[in-house]
Amino acid sequence: MKTLFALFGAACLVLTASLANAADKPTDPQIAHIAYTAGVIDVEAARLALSKTTSADVKAFAESMQKDHEAVNDMALALVKKLNVTPEDNATSQALSTAAEEKRAELGKLDGAAFDKAYIDNEVAFHQQVNGALETLLIPSAQNAELKGLLETGLKLFQGHQQHAEHVAAGLK
């Protein structure tokens, strides 16, 4: 278990560094890709949780994550289509994807209460990272008002996700 948390800590450091080094000010197409990638990551984590958990609280949380992140990503896709913007892959979205693949592989090896705790702890940390990036980098860097508005709406929703994850985590043993 200590190894899992050490690996998770290292992944968080990679995410933080990649968000800080992605570019001091990412472009709107890069921001769109980063935000969409973060949503996809959480949908995939939720699907894994739904396939593994037997906890009603974890299941309800994962269902909420899947539903909410799919809805926000649908809005994001509609917005980039409307604006005729092509999301641009970048070092940050690539680092997020790589770290998420590694985390899903780690979580996939766990079962029962160990899985539930690791999944929820990951969700707390992931939402802290994404919310911090939205507040300090992505929203301030967004040039298009509609993109900025979508990110601000997403931030409010994702802050609620973080609180929900923290609540579920407090109930797990």
N, C-alpha and C. Protein backbone atom coordinates (compact mmCIF):
# COMPACT_ATOMS: atom_id res chain seq x y z
N MET A 1 0.83 -1.19 0.00
CA MET A 1 0.00 0.00 0.00
C MET A 1 0.87 1.26 0.00
N LYS A 2 1.99 1.23 0.76
CA LYS A 2 2.89 2.38 0.76
C LYS A 2 3.43 2.65 -0.63
N THR A 3 3.72 1.58 -1.36
CA THR A 3 4.23 1.72 -2.72
C THR A 3 3.19 2.41 -3.60
N LEU A 4 1.93 2.02 -3.45
CA LEU A 4 0.85 2.62 -4.23
C LEU A 4 0.78 4.13 -3.97
N PHE A 5 0.86 4.51 -2.69
CA PHE A 5 0.78 5.93 -2.37
C PHE A 5 2.02 6.68 -2.83
N ALA A 6 3.18 6.04 -2.77
CA ALA A 6 4.40 6.67 -3.28
C ALA A 6 4.30 6.90 -4.78
N LEU A 7 3.80 5.90 -5.50
CA LEU A 7 3.63 6.05 -6.95
C LEU A 7 2.61 7.13 -7.26
N PHE A 8 1.54 7.18 -6.46
CA PHE A 8 0.52 8.19 -6.68
C PHE A 8 1.10 9.58 -6.44
N GLY A 9 1.90 9.71 -5.37
CA GLY A 9 2.54 10.99 -5.09
C GLY A 9 3.44 11.42 -6.23
N ALA A 10 4.18 10.47 -6.77
CA ALA A 10 5.05 10.79 -7.91
C ALA A 10 4.22 11.22 -9.11
N ALA A 11 3.11 10.55 -9.34
CA ALA A 11 2.24 10.94 -10.46
C ALA A 11 1.70 12.35 -10.27
N CYS A 12 1.34 12.70 -9.04
CA CYS A 12 0.85 14.06 -8.78
C CYS A 12 1.93 15.10 -9.06
N LEU A 13 3.18 14.76 -8.69
CA LEU A 13 4.27 15.69 -8.96
C LEU A 13 4.47 15.87 -10.46
N VAL A 14 4.36 14.77 -11.21
CA VAL A 14 4.49 14.85 -12.67
C VAL A 14 3.38 15.74 -13.24
N LEU A 15 2.16 15.54 -12.75
CA LEU A 15 1.03 16.34 -13.24
C LEU A 15 1.25 17.82 -12.93
N THR A 16 1.67 18.10 -11.71
CA THR A 16 1.89 19.49 -11.32
C THR A 16 2.98 20.12 -12.18
N ALA A 17 4.07 19.40 -12.35
CA ALA A 17 5.18 19.92 -13.16
C ALA A 17 4.75 20.11 -14.60
N SER A 18 4.00 19.14 -15.14
CA SER A 18 3.60 19.27 -16.54
C SER A 18 2.61 20.41 -16.72
N LEU A 19 1.75 20.64 -15.74
CA LEU A 19 0.84 21.78 -15.85
C LEU A 19 1.61 23.08 -15.77
N ALA A 20 2.62 23.12 -14.93
CA ALA A 20 3.40 24.35 -14.78
C ALA A 20 4.29 24.59 -16.00
N ASN A 21 4.78 23.52 -16.63
CA ASN A 21 5.72 23.67 -17.73
C ASN A 21 5.07 23.58 -19.10
N ALA A 22 3.78 23.34 -19.17
CA ALA A 22 3.12 23.13 -20.45
C ALA A 22 3.33 24.32 -21.36
N ALA A 23 3.31 25.43 -20.82
CA ALA A 23 3.56 26.72 -21.46
C ALA A 23 3.07 27.68 -20.41
N ASP A 24 3.72 28.78 -20.27
CA ASP A 24 3.28 29.70 -19.25
C ASP A 24 1.82 30.09 -19.48
N LYS A 25 1.45 30.16 -20.73
CA LYS A 25 0.07 30.53 -21.06
C LYS A 25 -0.38 29.68 -22.24
N PRO A 26 -1.07 28.57 -21.98
CA PRO A 26 -1.52 27.72 -23.09
C PRO A 26 -2.55 28.45 -23.95
N THR A 27 -2.63 28.02 -25.20
CA THR A 27 -3.60 28.60 -26.13
C THR A 27 -4.98 27.99 -25.88
N ASP A 28 -6.00 28.61 -26.42
CA ASP A 28 -7.36 28.07 -26.27
C ASP A 28 -7.47 26.64 -26.81
N PRO A 29 -6.91 26.33 -27.98
CA PRO A 29 -6.99 24.94 -28.44
C PRO A 29 -6.29 23.95 -27.49
N GLN A 30 -5.19 24.38 -26.88
CA GLN A 30 -4.50 23.53 -25.91
C GLN A 30 -5.32 23.38 -24.64
N ILE A 31 -5.91 24.48 -24.18
CA ILE A 31 -6.75 24.45 -22.99
C ILE A 31 -7.93 23.51 -23.21
N ALA A 32 -8.55 23.60 -24.38
CA ALA A 32 -9.68 22.73 -24.69
C ALA A 32 -9.27 21.26 -24.62
N HIS A 33 -8.09 20.95 -25.14
CA HIS A 33 -7.62 19.56 -25.13
C HIS A 33 -7.31 19.10 -23.71
N ILE A 34 -6.69 19.95 -22.91
CA ILE A 34 -6.36 19.60 -21.53
C ILE A 34 -7.65 19.33 -20.75
N ALA A 35 -8.61 20.23 -20.86
CA ALA A 35 -9.86 20.08 -20.12
C ALA A 35 -10.61 18.83 -20.56
N TYR A 36 -10.68 18.60 -21.86
CA TYR A 36 -11.36 17.41 -22.37
C TYR A 36 -10.66 16.15 -21.90
N THR A 37 -9.34 16.14 -21.95
CA THR A 37 -8.56 14.98 -21.51
C THR A 37 -8.83 14.68 -20.05
N ALA A 38 -8.85 15.70 -19.21
CA ALA A 38 -9.12 15.50 -17.78
C ALA A 38 -10.51 14.88 -17.59
N GLY A 39 -11.48 15.31 -18.37
CA GLY A 39 -12.82 14.74 -18.28
C GLY A 39 -12.84 13.27 -18.68
N VAL A 40 -12.17 12.95 -19.77
CA VAL A 40 -12.10 11.56 -20.24
C VAL A 40 -11.44 10.67 -19.19
N ILE A 41 -10.39 11.19 -18.57
CA ILE A 41 -9.69 10.43 -17.54
C ILE A 41 -10.64 10.07 -16.41
N ASP A 42 -11.45 11.03 -15.99
CA ASP A 42 -12.34 10.75 -14.86
C ASP A 42 -13.48 9.82 -15.27
N VAL A 43 -13.94 9.90 -16.50
CA VAL A 43 -14.96 8.96 -16.98
C VAL A 43 -14.39 7.54 -16.97
N GLU A 44 -13.16 7.38 -17.46
CA GLU A 44 -12.55 6.06 -17.50
C GLU A 44 -12.31 5.51 -16.09
N ALA A 45 -11.91 6.37 -15.16
CA ALA A 45 -11.73 5.95 -13.76
C ALA A 45 -13.07 5.53 -13.16
N ALA A 46 -14.12 6.27 -13.48
CA ALA A 46 -15.45 5.94 -12.97
C ALA A 46 -15.91 4.59 -13.51
N ARG A 47 -15.66 4.34 -14.77
CA ARG A 47 -16.04 3.04 -15.35
C ARG A 47 -15.31 1.90 -14.66
N LEU A 48 -14.03 2.10 -14.37
CA LEU A 48 -13.29 1.08 -13.65
C LEU A 48 -13.91 0.86 -12.27
N ALA A 49 -14.20 1.94 -11.58
CA ALA A 49 -14.81 1.82 -10.25
C ALA A 49 -16.14 1.09 -10.31
N LEU A 50 -16.95 1.41 -11.30
CA LEU A 50 -18.25 0.75 -11.42
C LEU A 50 -18.11 -0.74 -11.69
N SER A 51 -17.02 -1.14 -12.31
CA SER A 51 -16.81 -2.56 -12.59
C SER A 51 -16.23 -3.31 -11.39
N LYS A 52 -15.69 -2.58 -10.40
CA LYS A 52 -14.99 -3.24 -9.30
C LYS A 52 -15.63 -3.07 -7.93
N THR A 53 -16.28 -1.95 -7.69
CA THR A 53 -16.72 -1.66 -6.33
C THR A 53 -17.99 -2.43 -5.94
N THR A 54 -18.10 -2.68 -4.65
CA THR A 54 -19.34 -3.22 -4.09
C THR A 54 -19.92 -2.23 -3.08
N SER A 55 -19.25 -1.10 -2.91
CA SER A 55 -19.69 -0.07 -1.98
C SER A 55 -20.75 0.81 -2.65
N ALA A 56 -21.88 0.97 -1.98
CA ALA A 56 -22.95 1.81 -2.53
C ALA A 56 -22.49 3.26 -2.66
N ASP A 57 -21.73 3.76 -1.70
CA ASP A 57 -21.26 5.15 -1.75
C ASP A 57 -20.27 5.37 -2.89
N VAL A 58 -19.35 4.42 -3.07
CA VAL A 58 -18.37 4.54 -4.15
C VAL A 58 -19.08 4.42 -5.49
N LYS A 59 -20.05 3.52 -5.57
CA LYS A 59 -20.80 3.35 -6.83
C LYS A 59 -21.55 4.63 -7.17
N ALA A 60 -22.22 5.22 -6.19
CA ALA A 60 -22.98 6.46 -6.44
C ALA A 60 -22.03 7.58 -6.87
N PHE A 61 -20.87 7.66 -6.23
CA PHE A 61 -19.89 8.68 -6.61
C PHE A 61 -19.42 8.46 -8.04
N ALA A 62 -19.05 7.22 -8.36
CA ALA A 62 -18.55 6.91 -9.71
C ALA A 62 -19.61 7.18 -10.78
N GLU A 63 -20.86 6.84 -10.48
CA GLU A 63 -21.94 7.12 -11.44
C GLU A 63 -22.06 8.62 -11.68
N SER A 64 -21.92 9.40 -10.61
CA SER A 64 -21.98 10.86 -10.73
C SER A 64 -20.82 11.39 -11.56
N MET A 65 -19.63 10.83 -11.33
CA MET A 65 -18.45 11.27 -12.09
C MET A 65 -18.63 10.97 -13.57
N GLN A 66 -19.11 9.78 -13.88
CA GLN A 66 -19.29 9.41 -15.28
C GLN A 66 -20.31 10.33 -15.94
N LYS A 67 -21.44 10.51 -15.30
CA LYS A 67 -22.51 11.34 -15.87
C LYS A 67 -22.06 12.80 -16.04
N ASP A 68 -21.50 13.37 -14.99
CA ASP A 68 -21.14 14.79 -15.02
C ASP A 68 -20.01 15.08 -16.01
N HIS A 69 -18.97 14.24 -15.99
CA HIS A 69 -17.84 14.50 -16.89
C HIS A 69 -18.20 14.25 -18.35
N GLU A 70 -19.05 13.27 -18.61
CA GLU A 70 -19.51 13.08 -19.99
C GLU A 70 -20.32 14.28 -20.45
N ALA A 71 -21.16 14.83 -19.57
CA ALA A 71 -21.98 15.99 -19.92
C ALA A 71 -21.11 17.22 -20.21
N VAL A 72 -20.11 17.46 -19.36
CA VAL A 72 -19.24 18.61 -19.57
C VAL A 72 -18.43 18.42 -20.85
N ASN A 73 -17.95 17.20 -21.10
CA ASN A 73 -17.19 16.98 -22.33
C ASN A 73 -18.07 17.14 -23.56
N ASP A 74 -19.34 16.75 -23.47
CA ASP A 74 -20.26 16.97 -24.59
C ASP A 74 -20.42 18.48 -24.85
N MET A 75 -20.54 19.26 -23.77
CA MET A 75 -20.65 20.72 -23.92
C MET A 75 -19.36 21.29 -24.53
N ALA A 76 -18.23 20.76 -24.10
CA ALA A 76 -16.95 21.23 -24.63
C ALA A 76 -16.83 20.93 -26.12
N LEU A 77 -17.23 19.72 -26.52
CA LEU A 77 -17.17 19.36 -27.94
C LEU A 77 -18.10 20.25 -28.76
N ALA A 78 -19.29 20.52 -28.23
CA ALA A 78 -20.22 21.40 -28.94
C ALA A 78 -19.63 22.81 -29.08
N LEU A 79 -18.97 23.28 -28.03
CA LEU A 79 -18.39 24.62 -28.08
C LEU A 79 -17.25 24.70 -29.09
N VAL A 80 -16.34 23.73 -29.09
CA VAL A 80 -15.22 23.81 -30.05
C VAL A 80 -15.73 23.68 -31.48
N LYS A 81 -16.80 22.91 -31.66
CA LYS A 81 -17.39 22.81 -33.00
C LYS A 81 -17.99 24.16 -33.40
N LYS A 82 -18.73 24.78 -32.48
CA LYS A 82 -19.34 26.08 -32.75
C LYS A 82 -18.28 27.13 -33.07
N LEU A 83 -17.19 27.11 -32.33
CA LEU A 83 -16.12 28.10 -32.51
C LEU A 83 -15.17 27.74 -33.64
N ASN A 84 -15.37 26.54 -34.22
CA ASN A 84 -14.51 26.03 -35.28
C ASN A 84 -13.05 25.99 -34.83
N VAL A 85 -12.87 25.44 -33.62
CA VAL A 85 -11.55 25.30 -33.02
C VAL A 85 -11.21 23.82 -32.95
N THR A 86 -10.00 23.47 -33.32
CA THR A 86 -9.54 22.09 -33.21
C THR A 86 -8.70 21.97 -31.95
N PRO A 87 -9.16 21.19 -30.95
CA PRO A 87 -8.34 21.01 -29.75
C PRO A 87 -6.95 20.51 -30.13
N GLU A 88 -5.95 21.05 -29.45
CA GLU A 88 -4.55 20.76 -29.78
C GLU A 88 -3.90 19.93 -28.69
N ASP A 89 -3.48 18.72 -29.06
CA ASP A 89 -2.75 17.87 -28.14
C ASP A 89 -1.49 18.61 -27.69
N ASN A 90 -1.07 18.37 -26.47
CA ASN A 90 0.09 19.09 -25.94
C ASN A 90 0.73 18.29 -24.82
N ALA A 91 1.84 18.77 -24.33
CA ALA A 91 2.59 18.03 -23.31
C ALA A 91 1.77 17.79 -22.05
N THR A 92 0.94 18.74 -21.66
CA THR A 92 0.14 18.57 -20.45
C THR A 92 -0.92 17.49 -20.63
N SER A 93 -1.65 17.53 -21.73
CA SER A 93 -2.68 16.50 -21.93
C SER A 93 -2.04 15.13 -22.09
N GLN A 94 -0.87 15.07 -22.70
CA GLN A 94 -0.16 13.79 -22.83
C GLN A 94 0.30 13.27 -21.48
N ALA A 95 0.82 14.16 -20.63
CA ALA A 95 1.26 13.75 -19.29
C ALA A 95 0.08 13.29 -18.45
N LEU A 96 -1.04 13.99 -18.57
CA LEU A 96 -2.25 13.58 -17.85
C LEU A 96 -2.67 12.18 -18.28
N SER A 97 -2.69 11.93 -19.57
CA SER A 97 -3.10 10.62 -20.10
C SER A 97 -2.16 9.51 -19.63
N THR A 98 -0.87 9.77 -19.69
CA THR A 98 0.11 8.76 -19.27
C THR A 98 -0.04 8.44 -17.79
N ALA A 99 -0.13 9.47 -16.96
CA ALA A 99 -0.28 9.24 -15.52
C ALA A 99 -1.59 8.52 -15.22
N ALA A 100 -2.64 8.84 -15.95
CA ALA A 100 -3.94 8.19 -15.73
C ALA A 100 -3.89 6.71 -16.10
N GLU A 101 -3.21 6.39 -17.20
CA GLU A 101 -3.07 4.98 -17.61
C GLU A 101 -2.34 4.20 -16.53
N GLU A 102 -1.28 4.79 -15.99
CA GLU A 102 -0.52 4.12 -14.93
C GLU A 102 -1.38 3.94 -13.69
N LYS A 103 -2.15 4.96 -13.32
CA LYS A 103 -3.00 4.89 -12.14
C LYS A 103 -4.10 3.84 -12.33
N ARG A 104 -4.72 3.79 -13.52
CA ARG A 104 -5.75 2.77 -13.77
C ARG A 104 -5.16 1.37 -13.66
N ALA A 105 -3.95 1.18 -14.14
CA ALA A 105 -3.30 -0.13 -14.04
C ALA A 105 -3.09 -0.50 -12.57
N GLU A 106 -2.66 0.46 -11.76
CA GLU A 106 -2.48 0.20 -10.33
C GLU A 106 -3.81 -0.13 -9.66
N LEU A 107 -4.82 0.68 -9.95
CA LEU A 107 -6.13 0.46 -9.35
C LEU A 107 -6.73 -0.88 -9.80
N GLY A 108 -6.46 -1.25 -11.03
CA GLY A 108 -7.00 -2.49 -11.57
C GLY A 108 -6.51 -3.72 -10.84
N LYS A 109 -5.39 -3.61 -10.13
CA LYS A 109 -4.83 -4.74 -9.38
C LYS A 109 -5.45 -4.88 -7.99
N LEU A 110 -6.22 -3.88 -7.58
CA LEU A 110 -6.81 -3.88 -6.24
C LEU A 110 -8.25 -4.36 -6.27
N ASP A 111 -8.72 -4.83 -5.13
CA ASP A 111 -10.11 -5.27 -4.99
C ASP A 111 -10.64 -4.82 -3.64
N GLY A 112 -11.96 -4.86 -3.52
CA GLY A 112 -12.61 -4.62 -2.24
C GLY A 112 -12.32 -3.25 -1.66
N ALA A 113 -12.17 -3.24 -0.33
CA ALA A 113 -11.97 -1.98 0.40
C ALA A 113 -10.68 -1.29 -0.03
N ALA A 114 -9.65 -2.06 -0.37
CA ALA A 114 -8.39 -1.45 -0.82
C ALA A 114 -8.61 -0.68 -2.12
N PHE A 115 -9.39 -1.26 -3.04
CA PHE A 115 -9.69 -0.56 -4.29
C PHE A 115 -10.49 0.70 -3.99
N ASP A 116 -11.55 0.56 -3.20
CA ASP A 116 -12.42 1.70 -2.92
C ASP A 116 -11.63 2.86 -2.34
N LYS A 117 -10.79 2.60 -1.36
CA LYS A 117 -10.00 3.65 -0.72
C LYS A 117 -9.03 4.28 -1.72
N ALA A 118 -8.32 3.46 -2.48
CA ALA A 118 -7.36 3.99 -3.45
C ALA A 118 -8.06 4.80 -4.53
N TYR A 119 -9.20 4.33 -5.01
CA TYR A 119 -9.96 5.06 -6.04
C TYR A 119 -10.41 6.41 -5.50
N ILE A 120 -11.03 6.43 -4.33
CA ILE A 120 -11.54 7.68 -3.79
C ILE A 120 -10.40 8.63 -3.44
N ASP A 121 -9.32 8.11 -2.87
CA ASP A 121 -8.17 8.97 -2.58
C ASP A 121 -7.62 9.59 -3.87
N ASN A 122 -7.58 8.80 -4.93
CA ASN A 122 -7.14 9.30 -6.23
C ASN A 122 -8.09 10.38 -6.74
N GLU A 123 -9.37 10.18 -6.56
CA GLU A 123 -10.35 11.17 -7.02
C GLU A 123 -10.20 12.49 -6.27
N VAL A 124 -9.95 12.42 -4.96
CA VAL A 124 -9.73 13.65 -4.19
C VAL A 124 -8.51 14.38 -4.76
N ALA A 125 -7.41 13.67 -4.91
CA ALA A 125 -6.17 14.28 -5.39
C ALA A 125 -6.32 14.78 -6.83
N PHE A 126 -6.96 13.98 -7.69
CA PHE A 126 -7.14 14.37 -9.09
C PHE A 126 -7.95 15.65 -9.19
N HIS A 127 -9.05 15.73 -8.43
CA HIS A 127 -9.87 16.94 -8.48
C HIS A 127 -9.13 18.13 -7.90
N GLN A 128 -8.31 17.92 -6.87
CA GLN A 128 -7.51 19.02 -6.34
C GLN A 128 -6.58 19.55 -7.44
N GLN A 129 -5.92 18.63 -8.15
CA GLN A 129 -5.00 19.03 -9.21
C GLN A 129 -5.71 19.76 -10.35
N VAL A 130 -6.81 19.18 -10.82
CA VAL A 130 -7.54 19.78 -11.94
C VAL A 130 -8.14 21.13 -11.53
N ASN A 131 -8.73 21.19 -10.34
CA ASN A 131 -9.31 22.45 -9.89
C ASN A 131 -8.24 23.52 -9.75
N GLY A 132 -7.08 23.15 -9.23
CA GLY A 132 -5.98 24.11 -9.12
C GLY A 132 -5.53 24.60 -10.48
N ALA A 133 -5.43 23.68 -11.43
CA ALA A 133 -5.02 24.06 -12.79
C ALA A 133 -6.06 24.97 -13.44
N LEU A 134 -7.33 24.66 -13.23
CA LEU A 134 -8.39 25.52 -13.78
C LEU A 134 -8.29 26.93 -13.20
N GLU A 135 -8.14 27.02 -11.89
CA GLU A 135 -8.11 28.32 -11.22
C GLU A 135 -6.89 29.15 -11.58
N THR A 136 -5.72 28.51 -11.60
CA THR A 136 -4.48 29.28 -11.70
C THR A 136 -3.91 29.38 -13.11
N LEU A 137 -4.29 28.46 -14.00
CA LEU A 137 -3.69 28.45 -15.33
C LEU A 137 -4.71 28.48 -16.47
N LEU A 138 -5.63 27.54 -16.46
CA LEU A 138 -6.50 27.39 -17.63
C LEU A 138 -7.50 28.53 -17.77
N ILE A 139 -8.23 28.85 -16.70
CA ILE A 139 -9.22 29.94 -16.79
C ILE A 139 -8.53 31.28 -17.07
N PRO A 140 -7.47 31.63 -16.32
CA PRO A 140 -6.82 32.92 -16.60
C PRO A 140 -6.20 32.99 -18.01
N SER A 141 -5.82 31.84 -18.57
CA SER A 141 -5.18 31.85 -19.89
C SER A 141 -6.18 31.84 -21.04
N ALA A 142 -7.41 31.42 -20.78
CA ALA A 142 -8.41 31.32 -21.84
C ALA A 142 -8.72 32.70 -22.41
N GLN A 143 -8.68 32.81 -23.74
CA GLN A 143 -8.94 34.07 -24.42
C GLN A 143 -10.41 34.21 -24.84
N ASN A 144 -11.02 33.10 -25.21
CA ASN A 144 -12.41 33.13 -25.67
C ASN A 144 -13.34 33.16 -24.47
N ALA A 145 -14.28 34.10 -24.47
CA ALA A 145 -15.19 34.26 -23.34
C ALA A 145 -16.06 33.03 -23.11
N GLU A 146 -16.50 32.38 -24.19
CA GLU A 146 -17.35 31.20 -24.03
C GLU A 146 -16.56 30.03 -23.44
N LEU A 147 -15.32 29.86 -23.89
CA LEU A 147 -14.47 28.82 -23.32
C LEU A 147 -14.21 29.11 -21.85
N LYS A 148 -13.89 30.35 -21.54
CA LYS A 148 -13.65 30.75 -20.15
C LYS A 148 -14.89 30.46 -19.30
N GLY A 149 -16.07 30.77 -19.83
CA GLY A 149 -17.32 30.51 -19.10
C GLY A 149 -17.54 29.03 -18.86
N LEU A 150 -17.27 28.21 -19.87
CA LEU A 150 -17.42 26.76 -19.70
C LEU A 150 -16.44 26.24 -18.65
N LEU A 151 -15.22 26.74 -18.66
CA LEU A 151 -14.23 26.32 -17.67
C LEU A 151 -14.66 26.74 -16.27
N GLU A 152 -15.21 27.93 -16.14
CA GLU A 152 -15.68 28.41 -14.83
C GLU A 152 -16.84 27.57 -14.33
N THR A 153 -17.75 27.20 -15.22
CA THR A 153 -18.85 26.32 -14.84
C THR A 153 -18.31 24.96 -14.43
N GLY A 154 -17.37 24.45 -15.21
CA GLY A 154 -16.74 23.17 -14.88
C GLY A 154 -16.05 23.22 -13.53
N LEU A 155 -15.37 24.32 -13.23
CA LEU A 155 -14.68 24.44 -11.95
C LEU A 155 -15.66 24.32 -10.79
N LYS A 156 -16.79 25.00 -10.88
CA LYS A 156 -17.79 24.91 -9.80
C LYS A 156 -18.26 23.48 -9.62
N LEU A 157 -18.54 22.81 -10.72
CA LEU A 157 -18.98 21.42 -10.67
C LEU A 157 -17.89 20.53 -10.08
N PHE A 158 -16.65 20.73 -10.52
CA PHE A 158 -15.56 19.86 -10.09
C PHE A 158 -15.16 20.14 -8.64
N GLN A 159 -15.37 21.35 -8.16
CA GLN A 159 -15.15 21.62 -6.74
C GLN A 159 -16.16 20.82 -5.91
N GLY A 160 -17.39 20.73 -6.43
CA GLY A 160 -18.38 19.88 -5.78
C GLY A 160 -17.98 18.42 -5.80
N HIS A 161 -17.38 17.99 -6.90
CA HIS A 161 -16.88 16.60 -6.99
C HIS A 161 -15.81 16.35 -5.93
N GLN A 162 -14.92 17.31 -5.76
CA GLN A 162 -13.86 17.15 -4.77
C GLN A 162 -14.46 17.01 -3.38
N GLN A 163 -15.44 17.85 -3.05
CA GLN A 163 -16.09 17.77 -1.75
C GLN A 163 -16.81 16.43 -1.58
N HIS A 164 -17.47 15.97 -2.64
CA HIS A 164 -18.16 14.68 -2.60
C HIS A 164 -17.15 13.56 -2.36
N ALA A 165 -16.02 13.59 -3.08
CA ALA A 165 -14.99 12.57 -2.90
C ALA A 165 -14.43 12.60 -1.48
N GLU A 166 -14.21 13.79 -0.94
CA GLU A 166 -13.71 13.91 0.42
C GLU A 166 -14.71 13.33 1.42
N HIS A 167 -15.99 13.56 1.18
CA HIS A 167 -17.04 13.03 2.05
C HIS A 167 -17.04 11.49 2.00
N VAL A 168 -16.97 10.94 0.79
CA VAL A 168 -16.95 9.47 0.64
C VAL A 168 -15.69 8.91 1.30
N ALA A 169 -14.55 9.58 1.09
CA ALA A 169 -13.28 9.12 1.67
C ALA A 169 -13.38 9.06 3.20
N ALA A 170 -14.03 10.04 3.79
CA ALA A 170 -14.16 10.07 5.25
C ALA A 170 -14.97 8.88 5.77
N GLY A 171 -15.86 8.36 4.93
CA GLY A 171 -16.70 7.24 5.34
C GLY A 171 -16.09 5.86 5.11
N LEU A 172 -14.98 5.82 4.38
CA LEU A 172 -14.32 4.54 4.08
C LEU A 172 -13.33 4.21 5.19
N LYS A 173 -13.21 2.91 5.45
CA LYS A 173 -12.27 2.49 6.49
C LYS A 173 -11.03 1.93 5.88
